[in-house]
Amino acid sequence: MTGRRFLLLGLCVAALLPAGVARAQVATISATASKPEVVYGESITISGTVTNGVPGQTVELQRAPYPYDAFTSVGTTTTGPDGSYSFADVKPDRNSRYQVVSPGATASPPLQIVVDEKLSSEVDYVSAGRVRIRIRSEHPPDLAWGDQKAYWYMAAGSSKTFKRVRRNRTKQGSAGATKLSATFKVPAGKFRFFECFSPPDADAMGAPGVHAACHHGRDFEDSNDGRGDQATATYFFGRGSAPAGFPYPSRVRKAASYLHARSGYLSFAVIDTQERLSGVEVHRRYVSASVVKAMLLVARLRQLDAAHQGLSSYDHDRLYRMIHVSDNAAATSTWRSVGNSRLYSLAHAAHMTDFSIVGIWANAQISAADQARFFYNINDLMPRQFLRFGRSLLAHIASYQSWGIPHVARPRWRVLFKGGWRSTGRGQLVHQVARLERKHATFGLAVMTDGDPSMGYGIGTIEGVTARLVGGRTPEASRFTKATWLGPGG
């Protein structure tokens, strides 16, 4: 009985002794990072404390970069008197895990550090109605993100529908920067854009889920407003606001409202100063009448230039009569020289989509969109050696045919134009197309009417549309708005 009491007492005393006397304590290491997420090229500090260690104890920082296969040493230091340590200027180049170890101590729990791409983007309005977007992503050079298929989408205004506008490939420099760029047309006002591509090892950069699946289809729906900071070039939303061209959208709407109140089969098209097309029924096709004479003029000048010929007195005379007084015989003679094939070639060069012709020139089918575009680009379509001559003809048409657009727009605008008129089974057909120029502004305009009750009514429609587009003081209607017939026009 006495022996058993002694044994129990001994065990109780041993339990009350300090732990260091009963057994040696194991050193533990804590570790924290100054930032859990950094941008490529930035540095962090990893610091902590060795508990139950000794002053001057050696500690080692180890790193396991994506895909986290193994830890390797990236530096050593020693602890201070209180067991603290610090590793400064640590620069992870991709998503990485860090731990701190020391002989005889338990390693610190791993630290997950997220490394984001260093991104920059630019939105530049490089030409009329077009935007160039550049995106640059800096990341480790060994990530092969170059030569990947990139898809570009654009959503106009408040629309949630992103439509694909371009498909190209990424480019990667030797320093590891992936570059993306695309140029495409944008509407006036606010728009959003989206770009994506699917590179290998994308998860080496950025937080989980940042590299969403890339869209490859024609369009998709998304409400992303592009305002937030973007984390990756592989899935990039942005926004911009493109300048409006002249005539401003508000004026085009006024002209459209006016046109809807008029009688007949009506269209108008504008190629504004930003090269954007707008209007009403812009692709409706009409018989040309004399409007096609402007195309005959340009086609003949291109034919002479291709043959390395100058302008003979014969060509000068018939082209002058064809344009200045809309002479039909001169038009027929010119058409026989150029043929329908050269008219089609010119239509192709002018990016027309609705033009066709069967038989003689007067049977040509045209649209307001095509003719507005043709006159907008007419300087580039005419050969340089004949440019002054061709422009002069179109700017100095006989006064009794200078109704409509020139009557309203002059003298504030220089107007190159051509009209056409004839009777049809619907009534009277009256067309006019023009290029309007002044300092720092040029736009193309085409107004086409058929089924007018009279010639003057069609002229009044053209002048009403023009007045609402160019603005300013609206002149009185021309005397020709009371005309019932002005002679042959096609």
Protein backbone atom coordinates (compact mmCIF):
# COMPACT_ATOMS: atom_id res chain seq x y z
CA MET A 1 0.00 0.00 0.00
CA THR A 2 2.82 2.42 0.89
CA GLY A 3 4.73 1.60 -2.32
CA ARG A 4 1.72 2.40 -4.47
CA ARG A 5 1.27 5.79 -2.79
CA PHE A 6 4.89 6.67 -3.52
CA LEU A 7 4.53 5.78 -7.20
CA LEU A 8 1.43 7.93 -7.61
CA LEU A 9 3.11 10.85 -5.84
CA GLY A 10 6.09 10.57 -8.16
CA LEU A 11 3.88 10.69 -11.23
CA CYS A 12 2.07 13.77 -9.94
CA VAL A 13 5.33 15.61 -9.31
CA ALA A 14 6.56 14.78 -12.82
CA ALA A 15 3.35 16.16 -14.28
CA LEU A 16 3.90 19.46 -12.45
CA LEU A 17 7.46 19.95 -13.78
CA PRO A 18 8.05 22.55 -16.62
CA ALA A 19 7.62 21.14 -20.14
CA GLY A 20 11.23 21.90 -21.02
CA VAL A 21 12.32 19.65 -18.18
CA ALA A 22 9.99 16.81 -19.23
CA ARG A 23 10.64 17.13 -23.02
CA ALA A 24 12.23 19.62 -25.53
CA GLN A 25 9.73 22.03 -27.28
CA VAL A 26 9.62 22.02 -31.14
CA ALA A 27 10.29 25.38 -32.89
CA THR A 28 7.48 26.65 -35.16
CA ILE A 29 7.58 29.25 -37.93
CA SER A 30 4.94 31.79 -38.87
CA ALA A 31 4.94 33.63 -42.22
CA THR A 32 2.88 36.46 -43.71
CA ALA A 33 3.10 38.39 -46.99
CA SER A 34 2.81 42.17 -47.26
CA LYS A 35 0.32 41.66 -50.15
CA PRO A 36 -1.46 38.48 -51.26
CA GLU A 37 -1.83 39.78 -54.84
CA VAL A 38 0.63 41.78 -56.94
CA VAL A 39 1.07 42.96 -60.51
CA TYR A 40 3.82 41.40 -62.61
CA GLY A 41 7.10 43.16 -61.77
CA GLU A 42 6.05 44.27 -58.28
CA SER A 43 7.71 42.98 -55.11
CA ILE A 44 6.43 41.83 -51.73
CA THR A 45 7.92 41.27 -48.28
CA ILE A 46 7.54 37.95 -46.47
CA SER A 47 8.15 38.09 -42.72
CA GLY A 48 7.39 36.15 -39.55
CA THR A 49 8.72 34.71 -36.33
CA VAL A 50 10.44 31.51 -35.24
CA THR A 51 8.87 30.52 -31.94
CA ASN A 52 10.98 28.46 -29.51
CA GLY A 53 14.01 29.03 -31.68
CA VAL A 54 17.30 30.69 -30.84
CA PRO A 55 18.59 34.13 -31.87
CA GLY A 56 20.52 34.07 -35.16
CA GLN A 57 18.78 30.92 -36.33
CA THR A 58 19.02 30.37 -40.09
CA VAL A 59 15.73 30.41 -42.00
CA GLU A 60 15.22 29.67 -45.69
CA LEU A 61 12.54 31.01 -48.06
CA GLN A 62 11.30 28.46 -50.56
CA ARG A 63 9.06 28.94 -53.60
CA ALA A 64 6.87 26.63 -55.69
CA PRO A 65 5.78 28.49 -58.87
CA TYR A 66 2.76 27.42 -60.93
CA PRO A 67 2.03 24.50 -61.46
CA TYR A 68 3.38 24.09 -57.89
CA ASP A 69 5.39 20.93 -58.53
CA ALA A 70 8.14 21.42 -55.91
CA PHE A 71 9.62 23.97 -53.53
CA THR A 72 13.11 25.35 -54.20
CA SER A 73 15.20 27.78 -52.19
CA VAL A 74 15.12 31.47 -53.15
CA GLY A 75 17.03 32.95 -50.18
CA THR A 76 18.18 32.67 -46.57
CA THR A 77 18.43 34.99 -43.60
CA THR A 78 18.79 34.77 -39.80
CA THR A 79 16.39 35.58 -37.00
CA GLY A 80 16.74 38.51 -34.66
CA PRO A 81 16.90 38.39 -30.85
CA ASP A 82 13.10 38.05 -30.69
CA GLY A 83 13.02 35.29 -33.34
CA SER A 84 11.72 37.57 -36.10
CA TYR A 85 12.92 37.49 -39.72
CA SER A 86 12.09 39.26 -43.00
CA PHE A 87 12.64 38.64 -46.73
CA ALA A 88 12.33 41.91 -48.64
CA ASP A 89 12.04 42.57 -52.39
CA VAL A 90 10.54 39.18 -53.21
CA LYS A 91 9.39 39.27 -56.87
CA PRO A 92 7.15 36.39 -57.93
CA ASP A 93 6.82 36.35 -61.72
CA ARG A 94 3.71 34.14 -61.76
CA ASN A 95 1.27 32.60 -59.30
CA SER A 96 3.42 31.05 -56.57
CA ARG A 97 3.40 29.40 -53.15
CA TYR A 98 6.00 30.32 -50.52
CA GLN A 99 7.06 28.63 -47.29
CA VAL A 100 9.78 29.30 -44.71
CA VAL A 101 11.84 26.41 -43.25
CA SER A 102 14.62 26.04 -40.70
CA PRO A 103 16.55 23.04 -39.36
CA GLY A 104 14.73 21.45 -36.46
CA ALA A 105 11.62 23.60 -36.95
CA THR A 106 8.21 22.97 -38.41
CA ALA A 107 7.84 24.69 -41.81
CA SER A 108 5.45 27.61 -42.09
CA PRO A 109 2.06 27.03 -43.72
CA PRO A 110 2.32 27.80 -47.49
CA LEU A 111 1.45 31.31 -48.63
CA GLN A 112 -0.47 31.64 -51.94
CA ILE A 113 0.58 34.74 -53.91
CA VAL A 114 -1.46 35.76 -56.96
CA VAL A 115 0.42 37.55 -59.74
CA ASP A 116 -1.65 39.55 -62.23
CA GLU A 117 -0.56 40.50 -65.72
CA LYS A 118 0.67 44.06 -66.12
CA LEU A 119 -1.99 45.44 -68.47
CA SER A 120 -2.33 48.57 -70.53
CA SER A 121 -4.82 49.52 -73.23
CA GLU A 122 -5.39 52.35 -75.70
CA VAL A 123 -8.45 53.44 -77.68
CA ASP A 124 -7.52 55.68 -80.62
CA TYR A 125 -9.81 57.11 -83.29
CA VAL A 126 -7.47 56.72 -86.23
CA SER A 127 -9.71 57.64 -89.15
CA ALA A 128 -13.25 58.57 -89.97
CA GLY A 129 -15.61 56.28 -88.08
CA ARG A 130 -12.87 53.81 -87.14
CA VAL A 131 -11.19 52.95 -83.87
CA ARG A 132 -7.92 51.17 -83.17
CA ILE A 133 -7.70 49.31 -79.87
CA ARG A 134 -4.39 48.14 -78.44
CA ILE A 135 -4.01 45.83 -75.44
CA ARG A 136 -0.63 44.92 -73.93
CA SER A 137 -0.01 42.21 -71.33
CA GLU A 138 3.38 41.81 -69.61
CA HIS A 139 4.13 38.39 -68.15
CA PRO A 140 7.05 35.88 -67.97
CA PRO A 141 8.71 35.40 -71.40
CA ASP A 142 8.42 31.61 -71.17
CA LEU A 143 4.62 31.76 -71.27
CA ALA A 144 3.92 31.22 -74.98
CA TRP A 145 0.98 33.55 -75.47
CA GLY A 146 1.92 34.73 -78.96
CA ASP A 147 0.30 33.60 -82.23
CA GLN A 148 -2.99 32.72 -80.52
CA LYS A 149 -6.36 33.33 -82.19
CA ALA A 150 -7.94 36.49 -80.78
CA TYR A 151 -11.62 37.39 -81.13
CA TRP A 152 -12.95 40.97 -81.00
CA TYR A 153 -16.54 42.04 -80.37
CA MET A 154 -18.35 45.39 -80.19
CA ALA A 155 -21.67 46.48 -78.64
CA ALA A 156 -23.19 49.82 -79.67
CA GLY A 157 -24.74 52.15 -77.11
CA SER A 158 -26.71 50.36 -74.40
CA SER A 159 -27.13 47.17 -76.40
CA LYS A 160 -26.20 43.96 -74.59
CA THR A 161 -25.42 42.21 -77.86
CA PHE A 162 -21.73 42.01 -78.67
CA LYS A 163 -21.18 41.36 -82.37
CA ARG A 164 -17.91 39.96 -83.67
CA VAL A 165 -16.02 42.60 -85.66
CA ARG A 166 -12.55 41.13 -86.08
CA ARG A 167 -10.54 37.94 -85.71
CA ASN A 168 -6.73 37.99 -85.73
CA ARG A 169 -3.74 36.69 -83.76
CA THR A 170 -1.75 37.79 -80.75
CA LYS A 171 1.88 38.86 -80.99
CA GLN A 172 4.56 38.29 -78.37
CA GLY A 173 7.90 40.04 -78.08
CA SER A 174 11.11 38.60 -76.69
CA ALA A 175 10.59 40.46 -73.40
CA GLY A 176 7.39 38.51 -72.77
CA ALA A 177 4.80 41.18 -73.61
CA THR A 178 1.77 39.90 -75.51
CA LYS A 179 0.32 42.54 -77.82
CA LEU A 180 -3.15 42.63 -79.33
CA SER A 181 -4.62 45.23 -81.68
CA ALA A 182 -7.64 45.59 -83.93
CA THR A 183 -9.13 48.36 -86.08
CA PHE A 184 -12.81 48.40 -86.90
CA LYS A 185 -15.78 50.70 -87.50
CA VAL A 186 -17.72 52.02 -84.52
CA PRO A 187 -20.98 53.96 -84.27
CA ALA A 188 -21.15 57.52 -83.04
CA GLY A 189 -21.35 57.83 -79.28
CA LYS A 190 -20.75 55.22 -76.60
CA PHE A 191 -19.73 51.68 -77.39
CA ARG A 192 -18.21 48.71 -75.57
CA PHE A 193 -15.70 46.20 -76.83
CA PHE A 194 -14.57 42.76 -75.76
CA GLU A 195 -11.48 40.74 -76.70
CA CYS A 196 -10.52 37.19 -75.75
CA PHE A 197 -8.04 34.42 -76.56
CA SER A 198 -7.13 31.06 -75.03
CA PRO A 199 -3.37 30.71 -74.35
CA PRO A 200 -1.57 27.72 -72.84
CA ASP A 201 -0.77 27.90 -69.10
CA ALA A 202 -3.21 30.78 -68.62
CA ASP A 203 -3.66 29.83 -64.94
CA ALA A 204 -0.05 30.78 -64.28
CA MET A 205 -1.29 34.37 -64.01
CA GLY A 206 -4.18 35.87 -62.10
CA ALA A 207 -6.80 34.79 -59.62
CA PRO A 208 -8.86 31.62 -60.07
CA GLY A 209 -11.61 32.03 -62.65
CA VAL A 210 -10.21 35.17 -64.26
CA HIS A 211 -9.56 33.35 -67.55
CA ALA A 212 -13.13 32.62 -68.61
CA ALA A 213 -13.91 30.59 -71.71
CA CYS A 214 -13.29 32.62 -74.87
CA HIS A 215 -16.20 33.36 -77.21
CA HIS A 216 -15.77 32.14 -80.77
CA GLY A 217 -19.25 32.74 -82.22
CA ARG A 218 -20.69 35.63 -84.21
CA ASP A 219 -22.24 37.37 -81.20
CA PHE A 220 -23.17 36.92 -77.54
CA GLU A 221 -25.12 38.68 -74.80
CA ASP A 222 -23.40 40.36 -71.84
CA SER A 223 -24.15 43.33 -69.60
CA ASN A 224 -20.51 44.02 -68.61
CA ASP A 225 -20.10 47.79 -68.82
CA GLY A 226 -16.29 47.75 -69.18
CA ARG A 227 -15.83 50.23 -66.31
CA GLY A 228 -13.95 47.99 -63.87
CA ASP A 229 -10.24 47.25 -63.78
CA GLN A 230 -9.41 44.41 -66.11
CA ALA A 231 -7.29 41.56 -64.73
CA THR A 232 -6.24 39.73 -67.89
CA ALA A 233 -5.78 40.23 -71.61
CA THR A 234 -7.30 36.81 -72.23
CA TYR A 235 -10.79 38.11 -71.34
CA PHE A 236 -10.86 41.89 -71.68
CA PHE A 237 -13.83 44.29 -71.60
CA GLY A 238 -13.43 47.99 -72.42
CA ARG A 239 -15.40 51.02 -73.52
CA GLY A 240 -15.14 54.16 -75.59
CA SER A 241 -17.10 57.07 -77.02
CA ALA A 242 -16.64 57.76 -80.72
CA PRO A 243 -17.10 61.26 -82.17
CA ALA A 244 -20.24 61.93 -84.20
CA GLY A 245 -19.89 63.02 -87.81
CA PHE A 246 -21.65 65.82 -89.67
CA PRO A 247 -24.55 65.88 -90.43
CA TYR A 248 -25.14 65.05 -86.77
CA PRO A 249 -27.46 62.14 -85.89
CA SER A 250 -30.08 64.59 -84.60
CA ARG A 251 -30.21 66.26 -88.02
CA VAL A 252 -30.47 62.93 -89.80
CA ARG A 253 -33.43 62.11 -87.57
CA LYS A 254 -35.09 65.43 -88.46
CA ALA A 255 -34.58 64.76 -92.17
CA ALA A 256 -36.02 61.26 -91.76
CA SER A 257 -39.07 62.63 -89.93
CA TYR A 258 -39.61 65.15 -92.72
CA LEU A 259 -39.29 62.48 -95.39
CA HIS A 260 -41.85 60.22 -93.74
CA ALA A 261 -44.43 62.99 -94.14
CA ARG A 262 -43.87 63.24 -97.90
CA SER A 263 -45.56 61.26 -100.65
CA GLY A 264 -43.99 58.76 -103.00
CA TYR A 265 -41.24 56.18 -102.88
CA LEU A 266 -38.48 57.98 -100.99
CA SER A 267 -34.92 57.40 -99.82
CA PHE A 268 -31.98 59.42 -98.64
CA ALA A 269 -28.49 58.41 -97.58
CA VAL A 270 -25.69 60.31 -95.88
CA ILE A 271 -22.03 59.37 -95.69
CA ASP A 272 -21.05 61.75 -92.90
CA THR A 273 -17.68 63.27 -92.07
CA GLN A 274 -16.84 60.14 -90.06
CA GLU A 275 -17.68 57.97 -93.12
CA ARG A 276 -20.75 56.49 -91.44
CA LEU A 277 -23.82 55.62 -93.48
CA SER A 278 -27.27 56.67 -92.27
CA GLY A 279 -30.61 57.63 -93.76
CA VAL A 280 -33.94 56.12 -94.80
CA GLU A 281 -34.35 53.13 -97.14
CA VAL A 282 -30.72 53.55 -98.12
CA HIS A 283 -30.55 50.34 -100.17
CA ARG A 284 -33.84 50.72 -102.03
CA ARG A 285 -33.09 50.51 -105.75
CA TYR A 286 -34.31 53.01 -108.34
CA VAL A 287 -33.87 53.48 -112.05
CA SER A 288 -30.99 55.90 -112.35
CA ALA A 289 -32.10 58.47 -114.95
CA SER A 290 -29.28 61.01 -115.43
CA VAL A 291 -27.60 60.39 -112.06
CA VAL A 292 -25.49 57.65 -113.68
CA LYS A 293 -23.91 60.29 -115.93
CA ALA A 294 -21.54 61.13 -113.07
CA MET A 295 -20.41 57.49 -113.15
CA LEU A 296 -20.03 57.68 -116.95
CA LEU A 297 -17.81 60.73 -116.50
CA VAL A 298 -15.51 59.02 -114.00
CA ALA A 299 -15.46 55.74 -115.94
CA ARG A 300 -14.35 57.55 -119.13
CA LEU A 301 -11.62 59.47 -117.29
CA ARG A 302 -10.34 56.22 -115.77
CA GLN A 303 -10.40 54.59 -119.21
CA LEU A 304 -8.28 57.40 -120.69
CA ASP A 305 -5.86 57.26 -117.76
CA ALA A 306 -5.44 53.48 -118.05
CA ALA A 307 -4.61 53.93 -121.75
CA HIS A 308 -2.13 56.73 -120.87
CA GLN A 309 -4.14 59.20 -122.94
CA GLY A 310 -4.91 62.82 -122.36
CA LEU A 311 -8.26 64.56 -122.76
CA SER A 312 -9.01 65.24 -126.41
CA SER A 313 -11.18 68.14 -127.53
CA TYR A 314 -13.82 65.61 -128.55
CA ASP A 315 -13.93 64.03 -125.07
CA HIS A 316 -13.82 67.44 -123.44
CA ASP A 317 -16.85 68.58 -125.45
CA ARG A 318 -19.05 65.51 -124.98
CA LEU A 319 -18.25 65.15 -121.26
CA TYR A 320 -18.97 68.84 -120.76
CA ARG A 321 -22.36 68.56 -122.48
CA MET A 322 -23.20 65.34 -120.64
CA ILE A 323 -22.67 66.92 -117.23
CA HIS A 324 -23.28 70.64 -117.68
CA VAL A 325 -26.64 70.36 -119.43
CA SER A 326 -27.29 66.62 -118.92
CA ASP A 327 -27.18 65.93 -122.66
CA ASN A 328 -28.49 62.43 -123.37
CA ALA A 329 -26.82 62.03 -126.76
CA ALA A 330 -23.44 62.82 -125.20
CA ALA A 331 -24.20 60.28 -122.46
CA THR A 332 -25.03 57.59 -125.01
CA SER A 333 -21.80 58.30 -126.90
CA THR A 334 -19.76 58.11 -123.68
CA TRP A 335 -21.51 54.91 -122.65
CA ARG A 336 -20.60 53.30 -125.94
CA SER A 337 -16.97 54.16 -125.22
CA VAL A 338 -16.83 52.73 -121.70
CA GLY A 339 -19.40 49.93 -121.87
CA ASN A 340 -21.21 48.35 -118.96
CA SER A 341 -18.10 46.43 -117.89
CA ARG A 342 -16.27 49.63 -116.92
CA LEU A 343 -19.32 50.88 -115.06
CA TYR A 344 -19.28 47.63 -113.06
CA SER A 345 -15.55 48.03 -112.44
CA LEU A 346 -16.12 51.55 -111.16
CA ALA A 347 -18.98 50.36 -108.94
CA HIS A 348 -16.64 47.74 -107.48
CA ALA A 349 -13.90 50.33 -106.86
CA ALA A 350 -16.47 52.57 -105.13
CA HIS A 351 -17.66 49.66 -102.90
CA MET A 352 -21.19 49.82 -104.28
CA THR A 353 -23.44 46.90 -103.37
CA ASP A 354 -26.70 47.69 -105.17
CA PHE A 355 -25.61 48.79 -108.65
CA SER A 356 -26.68 46.90 -111.76
CA ILE A 357 -27.22 47.67 -115.44
CA VAL A 358 -28.84 45.84 -118.32
CA GLY A 359 -28.78 47.48 -121.73
CA ILE A 360 -28.27 51.22 -122.13
CA TRP A 361 -26.99 53.56 -119.40
CA ALA A 362 -30.45 54.93 -118.56
CA ASN A 363 -31.51 51.47 -117.34
CA ALA A 364 -28.94 51.44 -114.55
CA GLN A 365 -30.29 50.56 -111.09
CA ILE A 366 -28.87 52.55 -108.19
CA SER A 367 -29.42 53.12 -104.47
CA ALA A 368 -29.01 56.16 -102.27
CA ALA A 369 -26.33 54.40 -100.20
CA ASP A 370 -24.18 53.62 -103.25
CA GLN A 371 -24.45 57.09 -104.74
CA ALA A 372 -23.72 58.90 -101.46
CA ARG A 373 -20.64 56.73 -101.06
CA PHE A 374 -19.61 57.27 -104.69
CA PHE A 375 -19.73 61.08 -104.41
CA TYR A 376 -18.04 61.02 -101.00
CA ASN A 377 -15.08 59.14 -102.52
CA ILE A 378 -15.14 60.74 -105.97
CA ASN A 379 -11.80 62.54 -105.52
CA ASP A 380 -10.10 59.18 -105.02
CA LEU A 381 -11.97 57.55 -107.90
CA MET A 382 -11.00 60.14 -110.52
CA PRO A 383 -7.47 59.95 -111.98
CA ARG A 384 -5.20 62.66 -110.63
CA GLN A 385 -4.52 64.15 -114.06
CA PHE A 386 -8.25 64.72 -114.66
CA LEU A 387 -9.32 65.59 -111.12
CA ARG A 388 -9.54 69.34 -111.61
CA PHE A 389 -11.51 68.95 -114.83
CA GLY A 390 -13.97 66.42 -113.41
CA ARG A 391 -14.58 68.39 -110.21
CA SER A 392 -15.15 71.59 -112.17
CA LEU A 393 -17.80 69.94 -114.32
CA LEU A 394 -19.72 68.65 -111.32
CA ALA A 395 -19.46 71.97 -109.47
CA HIS A 396 -20.65 74.17 -112.37
CA ILE A 397 -23.78 72.55 -113.76
CA ALA A 398 -26.16 74.85 -115.63
CA SER A 399 -28.12 77.18 -113.34
CA TYR A 400 -31.52 75.86 -114.46
CA GLN A 401 -30.50 72.41 -113.18
CA SER A 402 -28.96 73.69 -109.91
CA TRP A 403 -32.03 73.17 -107.78
CA GLY A 404 -32.26 70.93 -104.72
CA ILE A 405 -29.05 70.36 -102.78
CA PRO A 406 -26.93 73.20 -104.26
CA HIS A 407 -29.80 75.68 -103.88
CA VAL A 408 -29.99 74.99 -100.13
CA ALA A 409 -26.32 74.39 -99.31
CA ARG A 410 -24.61 77.16 -101.26
CA PRO A 411 -22.71 79.37 -100.56
CA ARG A 412 -21.81 77.85 -97.17
CA TRP A 413 -20.82 74.63 -98.90
CA ARG A 414 -19.05 73.86 -102.14
CA VAL A 415 -21.31 71.39 -103.93
CA LEU A 416 -20.39 68.80 -106.59
CA PHE A 417 -23.61 67.18 -107.75
CA LYS A 418 -25.70 65.51 -110.41
CA GLY A 419 -29.46 65.21 -110.76
CA GLY A 420 -31.76 62.95 -112.70
CA TRP A 421 -35.46 63.10 -113.55
CA ARG A 422 -37.96 61.31 -115.77
CA SER A 423 -41.48 59.97 -115.77
CA THR A 424 -42.18 56.42 -114.60
CA GLY A 425 -45.22 54.22 -114.20
CA ARG A 426 -45.50 55.58 -110.63
CA GLY A 427 -45.42 59.26 -111.57
CA GLN A 428 -42.38 61.54 -111.61
CA LEU A 429 -38.91 60.39 -110.58
CA VAL A 430 -36.50 63.03 -109.23
CA HIS A 431 -33.03 62.21 -107.87
CA GLN A 432 -30.04 64.26 -106.78
CA VAL A 433 -26.68 63.19 -105.39
CA ALA A 434 -23.85 65.40 -104.15
CA ARG A 435 -20.57 65.88 -102.38
CA LEU A 436 -20.62 68.84 -99.97
CA GLU A 437 -17.33 70.40 -98.91
CA ARG A 438 -16.11 73.14 -96.64
CA LYS A 439 -13.10 73.61 -94.40
CA HIS A 440 -12.46 70.47 -92.33
CA ALA A 441 -15.73 68.85 -93.43
CA THR A 442 -16.88 66.73 -96.38
CA PHE A 443 -19.94 64.52 -96.66
CA GLY A 444 -21.89 62.67 -99.33
CA LEU A 445 -25.64 62.96 -99.81
CA ALA A 446 -28.15 61.23 -102.09
CA VAL A 447 -31.90 61.87 -102.16
CA MET A 448 -34.03 59.66 -104.41
CA THR A 449 -37.74 59.91 -105.11
CA ASP A 450 -40.23 58.19 -107.36
CA GLY A 451 -44.00 58.45 -107.65
CA ASP A 452 -43.92 62.23 -107.17
CA PRO A 453 -47.10 64.02 -108.27
CA SER A 454 -44.91 66.53 -110.14
CA MET A 455 -41.31 67.43 -110.86
CA GLY A 456 -41.53 70.38 -108.50
CA TYR A 457 -42.80 68.18 -105.67
CA GLY A 458 -39.74 65.94 -105.98
CA ILE A 459 -37.44 68.98 -105.99
CA GLY A 460 -39.21 70.27 -102.87
CA THR A 461 -38.58 66.93 -101.14
CA ILE A 462 -34.86 67.10 -101.96
CA GLU A 463 -34.59 70.69 -100.72
CA GLY A 464 -36.50 69.86 -97.52
CA VAL A 465 -34.19 66.96 -96.67
CA THR A 466 -31.08 69.04 -97.42
CA ALA A 467 -32.25 71.97 -95.29
CA ARG A 468 -32.68 69.75 -92.26
CA LEU A 469 -29.25 68.20 -92.72
CA VAL A 470 -27.11 71.30 -93.25
CA GLY A 471 -29.04 73.51 -90.81
CA GLY A 472 -28.56 77.25 -90.54
CA ARG A 473 -30.98 79.65 -92.16
CA THR A 474 -33.22 77.70 -94.50
CA PRO A 475 -33.51 79.51 -97.86
CA GLU A 476 -36.79 79.93 -99.65
CA ALA A 477 -37.80 77.06 -101.89
CA SER A 478 -36.30 77.38 -105.33
CA ARG A 479 -38.48 78.50 -108.21
CA PHE A 480 -38.12 74.98 -109.61
CA THR A 481 -40.36 73.51 -106.90
CA LYS A 482 -43.29 74.75 -109.02
CA ALA A 483 -41.98 73.12 -112.16
CA THR A 484 -43.85 70.27 -113.81
CA TRP A 485 -41.07 69.32 -116.28
CA LEU A 486 -37.52 70.45 -116.93
CA GLY A 487 -36.77 68.55 -120.12
CA PRO A 488 -35.03 65.20 -120.61
CA GLY A 489 -32.98 64.01 -117.68
CA GLY A 490 -32.35 60.40 -118.53
